[in-house]
PDB file of N, CA and C in Angstrom:
ATOM      1  N   MET A   1      82.582 133.440-151.725  1.00  0.00           N
ATOM      2  CA  MET A   1      82.799 132.302-151.743  1.00  0.00           C
ATOM      3  C   MET A   1      83.935 132.195-150.384  1.00  0.00           C
ATOM      4  N   ARG A   2      82.796 131.356-149.300  1.00  0.00           N
ATOM      5  CA  ARG A   2      84.013 130.938-148.415  1.00  0.00           C
ATOM      6  C   ARG A   2      85.195 129.282-148.155  1.00  0.00           C
ATOM      7  N   VAL A   3      85.703 129.752-148.371  1.00  0.00           N
ATOM      8  CA  VAL A   3      87.065 128.408-147.942  1.00  0.00           C
ATOM      9  C   VAL A   3      87.343 128.447-146.392  1.00  0.00           C
ATOM     10  N   ILE A   4      86.922 127.059-146.159  1.00  0.00           N
ATOM     11  CA  ILE A   4      87.048 126.204-145.066  1.00  0.00           C
ATOM     12  C   ILE A   4      87.895 125.739-145.024  1.00  0.00           C
ATOM     13  N   GLU A   5      89.289 125.070-144.151  1.00  0.00           N
ATOM     14  CA  GLU A   5      90.524 124.220-143.849  1.00  0.00           C
ATOM     15  C   GLU A   5      90.448 123.579-143.204  1.00  0.00           C
ATOM     16  N   GLU A   6      90.420 122.192-142.841  1.00  0.00           N
ATOM     17  CA  GLU A   6      90.471 121.800-141.328  1.00  0.00           C
ATOM     18  C   GLU A   6      91.550 121.566-141.705  1.00  0.00           C
ATOM     19  N   ILE A   7      92.312 121.495-140.232  1.00  0.00           N
ATOM     20  CA  ILE A   7      93.941 120.925-140.286  1.00  0.00           C
ATOM     21  C   ILE A   7      94.028 120.900-139.516  1.00  0.00           C
ATOM     22  N   ASN A   8      95.084 119.227-139.997  1.00  0.00           N
ATOM     23  CA  ASN A   8      95.673 119.090-139.074  1.00  0.00           C
ATOM     24  C   ASN A   8      97.337 119.303-137.726  1.00  0.00           C
ATOM     25  N   SER A   9      96.662 120.315-137.254  1.00  0.00           N
ATOM     26  CA  SER A   9      97.666 121.004-136.500  1.00  0.00           C
ATOM     27  C   SER A   9      97.752 120.888-135.446  1.00  0.00           C
ATOM     28  N   SER A  10      98.469 120.805-134.238  1.00  0.00           N
ATOM     29  CA  SER A  10      98.331 120.601-132.587  1.00  0.00           C
ATOM     30  C   SER A  10      97.644 122.556-132.045  1.00  0.00           C
ATOM     31  N   TYR A  11      97.917 123.075-132.637  1.00  0.00           N
ATOM     32  CA  TYR A  11      98.160 125.058-133.092  1.00  0.00           C
ATOM     33  C   TYR A  11      97.336 125.036-132.945  1.00  0.00           C
ATOM     34  N   ILE A  12      96.285 125.053-134.939  1.00  0.00           N
ATOM     35  CA  ILE A  12      95.341 125.544-135.102  1.00  0.00           C
ATOM     36  C   ILE A  12      94.571 124.663-135.292  1.00  0.00           C
ATOM     37  N   GLU A  13      93.507 124.479-135.483  1.00  0.00           N
ATOM     38  CA  GLU A  13      92.406 123.887-135.370  1.00  0.00           C
ATOM     39  C   GLU A  13      91.718 124.247-137.257  1.00  0.00           C
ATOM     40  N   GLN A  14      91.372 124.638-137.391  1.00  0.00           N
ATOM     41  CA  GLN A  14      90.392 125.737-138.627  1.00  0.00           C
ATOM     42  C   GLN A  14      91.162 126.814-139.557  1.00  0.00           C
ATOM     43  N   ILE A  15      91.021 127.060-140.668  1.00  0.00           N
ATOM     44  CA  ILE A  15      91.547 128.486-140.987  1.00  0.00           C
ATOM     45  C   ILE A  15      90.894 128.650-142.229  1.00  0.00           C
ATOM     46  N   ALA A  16      89.204 129.704-141.853  1.00  0.00           N
ATOM     47  CA  ALA A  16      88.627 129.488-143.163  1.00  0.00           C
ATOM     48  C   ALA A  16      88.852 131.566-143.930  1.00  0.00           C
ATOM     49  N   TYR A  17      88.396 131.255-144.997  1.00  0.00           N
ATOM     50  CA  TYR A  17      88.768 132.231-145.316  1.00  0.00           C
ATOM     51  C   TYR A  17      87.562 132.760-146.448  1.00  0.00           C
ATOM     52  N   ASP A  18      87.281 134.146-146.732  1.00  0.00           N
ATOM     53  CA  ASP A  18      85.759 134.222-147.066  1.00  0.00           C
ATOM     54  C   ASP A  18      86.438 135.604-148.656  1.00  0.00           C
ATOM     55  N   THR A  19      86.772 134.823-149.488  1.00  0.00           N
ATOM     56  CA  THR A  19      86.996 135.420-150.520  1.00  0.00           C
ATOM     57  C   THR A  19      86.555 137.153-151.487  1.00  0.00           C
ATOM     58  N   TYR A  20      85.190 137.161-151.737  1.00  0.00           N
ATOM     59  CA  TYR A  20      84.428 138.611-150.998  1.00  0.00           C
ATOM     60  C   TYR A  20      84.997 139.378-150.241  1.00  0.00           C
ATOM     61  N   THR A  21      84.716 139.173-148.663  1.00  0.00           N
ATOM     62  CA  THR A  21      85.391 140.285-147.893  1.00  0.00           C
ATOM     63  C   THR A  21      87.447 139.945-147.108  1.00  0.00           C
ATOM     64  N   ARG A  22      87.398 139.112-148.501  1.00  0.00           N
ATOM     65  CA  ARG A  22      89.381 139.345-147.732  1.00  0.00           C
ATOM     66  C   ARG A  22      89.475 139.212-146.221  1.00  0.00           C
ATOM     67  N   VAL A  23      88.178 138.309-145.820  1.00  0.00           N
ATOM     68  CA  VAL A  23      88.718 138.313-143.626  1.00  0.00           C
ATOM     69  C   VAL A  23      88.801 137.058-143.664  1.00  0.00           C
ATOM     70  N   CYS A  24      89.785 136.028-143.080  1.00  0.00           N
ATOM     71  CA  CYS A  24      90.785 135.011-142.430  1.00  0.00           C
ATOM     72  C   CYS A  24      90.200 134.838-141.586  1.00  0.00           C
ATOM     73  N   ILE A  25      89.785 133.650-140.905  1.00  0.00           N
ATOM     74  CA  ILE A  25      89.600 133.014-139.465  1.00  0.00           C
ATOM     75  C   ILE A  25      90.472 132.228-139.440  1.00  0.00           C
ATOM     76  N   VAL A  26      91.411 132.424-137.514  1.00  0.00           N
ATOM     77  CA  VAL A  26      91.974 131.499-138.037  1.00  0.00           C
ATOM     78  C   VAL A  26      91.665 131.012-136.498  1.00  0.00           C
ATOM     79  N   THR A  27      91.059 129.331-135.726  1.00  0.00           N
ATOM     80  CA  THR A  27      90.738 128.861-135.147  1.00  0.00           C
ATOM     81  C   THR A  27      92.041 127.896-133.997  1.00  0.00           C
ATOM     82  N   ILE A  28      92.140 129.089-132.398  1.00  0.00           N
ATOM     83  CA  ILE A  28      93.397 128.456-132.307  1.00  0.00           C
ATOM     84  C   ILE A  28      92.777 128.267-130.897  1.00  0.00           C
ATOM     85  N   ASN A  29      92.911 126.921-130.344  1.00  0.00           N
ATOM     86  CA  ASN A  29      92.178 126.706-128.676  1.00  0.00           C
ATOM     87  C   ASN A  29      90.625 126.902-128.770  1.00  0.00           C
ATOM     88  N   GLY A  30      89.697 126.643-130.135  1.00  0.00           N
ATOM     89  CA  GLY A  30      88.918 127.999-129.723  1.00  0.00           C
ATOM     90  C   GLY A  30      88.476 128.363-129.980  1.00  0.00           C
ATOM     91  N   SER A  31      89.473 129.922-130.369  1.00  0.00           N
ATOM     92  CA  SER A  31      89.392 131.070-130.380  1.00  0.00           C
ATOM     93  C   SER A  31      89.639 130.958-131.977  1.00  0.00           C
ATOM     94  N   ASP A  32      88.633 132.267-131.997  1.00  0.00           N
ATOM     95  CA  ASP A  32      88.524 132.999-133.955  1.00  0.00           C
ATOM     96  C   ASP A  32      89.616 133.818-133.398  1.00  0.00           C
ATOM     97  N   HIS A  33      90.235 134.394-134.596  1.00  0.00           N
ATOM     98  CA  HIS A  33      91.588 135.316-134.582  1.00  0.00           C
ATOM     99  C   HIS A  33      91.043 135.972-136.060  1.00  0.00           C
ATOM    100  N   VAL A  34      90.479 137.092-135.956  1.00  0.00           N
ATOM    101  CA  VAL A  34      90.234 137.622-137.283  1.00  0.00           C
ATOM    102  C   VAL A  34      90.726 138.482-137.849  1.00  0.00           C
ATOM    103  N   TYR A  35      91.181 138.503-138.911  1.00  0.00           N
ATOM    104  CA  TYR A  35      92.491 139.203-140.058  1.00  0.00           C
ATOM    105  C   TYR A  35      91.794 139.190-141.268  1.00  0.00           C
ATOM    106  N   TYR A  36      91.340 141.181-141.899  1.00  0.00           N
ATOM    107  CA  TYR A  36      91.070 141.927-142.567  1.00  0.00           C
ATOM    108  C   TYR A  36      91.676 141.456-143.394  1.00  0.00           C
ATOM    109  N   ASP A  37      91.068 142.334-144.843  1.00  0.00           N
ATOM    110  CA  ASP A  37      91.865 142.981-146.123  1.00  0.00           C
ATOM    111  C   ASP A  37      93.455 141.703-146.240  1.00  0.00           C
ATOM    112  N   ILE A  38      93.192 140.163-146.018  1.00  0.00           N
ATOM    113  CA  ILE A  38      94.288 139.391-146.653  1.00  0.00           C
ATOM    114  C   ILE A  38      93.350 138.702-147.808  1.00  0.00           C
ATOM    115  N   GLY A  39      94.868 138.770-149.043  1.00  0.00           N
ATOM    116  CA  GLY A  39      94.558 138.433-149.960  1.00  0.00           C
ATOM    117  C   GLY A  39      94.795 137.040-150.133  1.00  0.00           C
ATOM    118  N   PHE A  40      94.179 136.375-151.098  1.00  0.00           N
ATOM    119  CA  PHE A  40      93.632 135.460-151.982  1.00  0.00           C
ATOM    120  C   PHE A  40      95.433 134.055-152.027  1.00  0.00           C
ATOM    121  N   LEU A  41      96.240 135.250-152.468  1.00  0.00           N
ATOM    122  CA  LEU A  41      97.783 134.149-152.354  1.00  0.00           C
ATOM    123  C   LEU A  41      98.258 134.543-150.783  1.00  0.00           C
ATOM    124  N   GLN A  42      98.092 135.618-150.671  1.00  0.00           N
ATOM    125  CA  GLN A  42      98.493 135.335-148.498  1.00  0.00           C
ATOM    126  C   GLN A  42      97.554 133.688-148.429  1.00  0.00           C
ATOM    127  N   PHE A  43      96.370 133.909-147.862  1.00  0.00           N
ATOM    128  CA  PHE A  43      95.682 132.890-148.069  1.00  0.00           C
ATOM    129  C   PHE A  43      96.529 131.827-148.006  1.00  0.00           C
ATOM    130  N   LYS A  44      96.519 131.151-149.178  1.00  0.00           N
ATOM    131  CA  LYS A  44      96.678 130.005-149.810  1.00  0.00           C
ATOM    132  C   LYS A  44      98.152 130.041-149.446  1.00  0.00           C
ATOM    133  N   SER A  45      99.313 130.669-148.817  1.00  0.00           N
ATOM    134  CA  SER A  45     100.106 130.152-149.130  1.00  0.00           C
ATOM    135  C   SER A  45     100.670 129.831-147.196  1.00  0.00           C
ATOM    136  N   PHE A  46      99.269 130.291-146.442  1.00  0.00           N
ATOM    137  CA  PHE A  46      98.848 129.688-144.846  1.00  0.00           C
ATOM    138  C   PHE A  46      98.965 128.016-145.054  1.00  0.00           C
ATOM    139  N   ILE A  47      98.154 128.234-145.642  1.00  0.00           N
ATOM    140  CA  ILE A  47      97.410 126.709-145.846  1.00  0.00           C
ATOM    141  C   ILE A  47      97.802 126.029-146.477  1.00  0.00           C
ATOM    142  N   THR A  48      99.175 125.984-147.056  1.00  0.00           N
ATOM    143  CA  THR A  48      99.984 124.837-148.001  1.00  0.00           C
ATOM    144  C   THR A  48     101.280 125.023-147.116  1.00  0.00           C
ATOM    145  N   ALA A  49     101.063 126.105-146.226  1.00  0.00           N
ATOM    146  CA  ALA A  49     102.237 125.700-146.046  1.00  0.00           C
ATOM    147  C   ALA A  49     102.787 124.500-144.722  1.00  0.00           C
ATOM    148  N   GLU A  50     103.939 123.774-144.867  1.00  0.00           N
ATOM    149  CA  GLU A  50     103.862 122.850-144.123  1.00  0.00           C
ATOM    150  C   GLU A  50     103.706 122.302-142.781  1.00  0.00           C
ATOM    151  N   SER A  51     104.345 123.339-141.638  1.00  0.00           N
ATOM    152  CA  SER A  51     103.669 123.959-140.579  1.00  0.00           C
ATOM    153  C   SER A  51     102.843 125.091-140.474  1.00  0.00           C
ATOM    154  N   LYS A  52     101.640 124.970-140.413  1.00  0.00           N
ATOM    155  CA  LYS A  52     100.891 125.552-140.176  1.00  0.00           C
ATOM    156  C   LYS A  52     101.149 126.858-138.322  1.00  0.00           C
ATOM    157  N   GLY A  53     101.257 126.384-137.648  1.00  0.00           N
ATOM    158  CA  GLY A  53     101.561 127.074-136.578  1.00  0.00           C
ATOM    159  C   GLY A  53     102.877 127.702-136.851  1.00  0.00           C
ATOM    160  N   THR A  54     103.623 127.281-137.563  1.00  0.00           N
ATOM    161  CA  THR A  54     104.821 127.741-138.283  1.00  0.00           C
ATOM    162  C   THR A  54     104.655 129.310-138.680  1.00  0.00           C
ATOM    163  N   PHE A  55     104.149 129.054-139.861  1.00  0.00           N
ATOM    164  CA  PHE A  55     103.845 130.200-140.403  1.00  0.00           C
ATOM    165  C   PHE A  55     102.653 131.287-140.065  1.00  0.00           C
ATOM    166  N   PHE A  56     101.978 130.574-138.495  1.00  0.00           N
ATOM    167  CA  PHE A  56     101.123 131.387-138.241  1.00  0.00           C
ATOM    168  C   PHE A  56     101.671 132.632-137.471  1.00  0.00           C
ATOM    169  N   ASN A  57     102.891 131.635-136.728  1.00  0.00           N
ATOM    170  CA  ASN A  57     103.738 132.774-135.812  1.00  0.00           C
ATOM    171  C   ASN A  57     104.439 133.833-136.586  1.00  0.00           C
ATOM    172  N   MET A  58     105.455 133.373-137.403  1.00  0.00           N
ATOM    173  CA  MET A  58     106.095 133.904-138.237  1.00  0.00           C
ATOM    174  C   MET A  58     105.474 135.237-138.868  1.00  0.00           C
ATOM    175  N   TYR A  59     104.442 135.014-140.028  1.00  0.00           N
ATOM    176  CA  TYR A  59     103.757 135.737-141.189  1.00  0.00           C
ATOM    177  C   TYR A  59     102.574 136.186-140.237  1.00  0.00           C
ATOM    178  N   VAL A  60     101.776 135.756-140.007  1.00  0.00           N
ATOM    179  CA  VAL A  60     100.124 136.349-139.548  1.00  0.00           C
ATOM    180  C   VAL A  60     100.213 136.866-137.969  1.00  0.00           C
ATOM    181  N   LYS A  61     100.692 136.450-136.784  1.00  0.00           N
ATOM    182  CA  LYS A  61     100.867 136.797-134.861  1.00  0.00           C
ATOM    183  C   LYS A  61     101.874 137.967-135.700  1.00  0.00           C
ATOM    184  N   GLY A  62     100.213 139.103-134.998  1.00  0.00           N
ATOM    185  CA  GLY A  62     100.862 140.829-134.978  1.00  0.00           C
ATOM    186  C   GLY A  62     101.169 141.134-136.496  1.00  0.00           C
ATOM    187  N   ARG A  63     101.289 140.930-137.612  1.00  0.00           N
ATOM    188  CA  ARG A  63     101.881 141.450-138.724  1.00  0.00           C
ATOM    189  C   ARG A  63     100.377 141.156-139.581  1.00  0.00           C
ATOM    190  N   TRP A  64      99.040 140.877-139.734  1.00  0.00           N
ATOM    191  CA  TRP A  64      97.765 140.682-140.546  1.00  0.00           C
ATOM    192  C   TRP A  64      97.259 141.259-139.982  1.00  0.00           C
TER     193      TRP A  64
END
């Protein structure tokens, strides 16, 4: 199952997650950034964060 979240953010356009492959795709300024072996709870924390941009910079970028 693929989950796609349209994001109300000035930095991140969309966050998609495939529950079968555990792949998370973050779209920023038209470019897709692909992250592998991401658990559903990590994805859920990302999409429920108050600031997706801050979460991305603190926990995703360079860490996933």
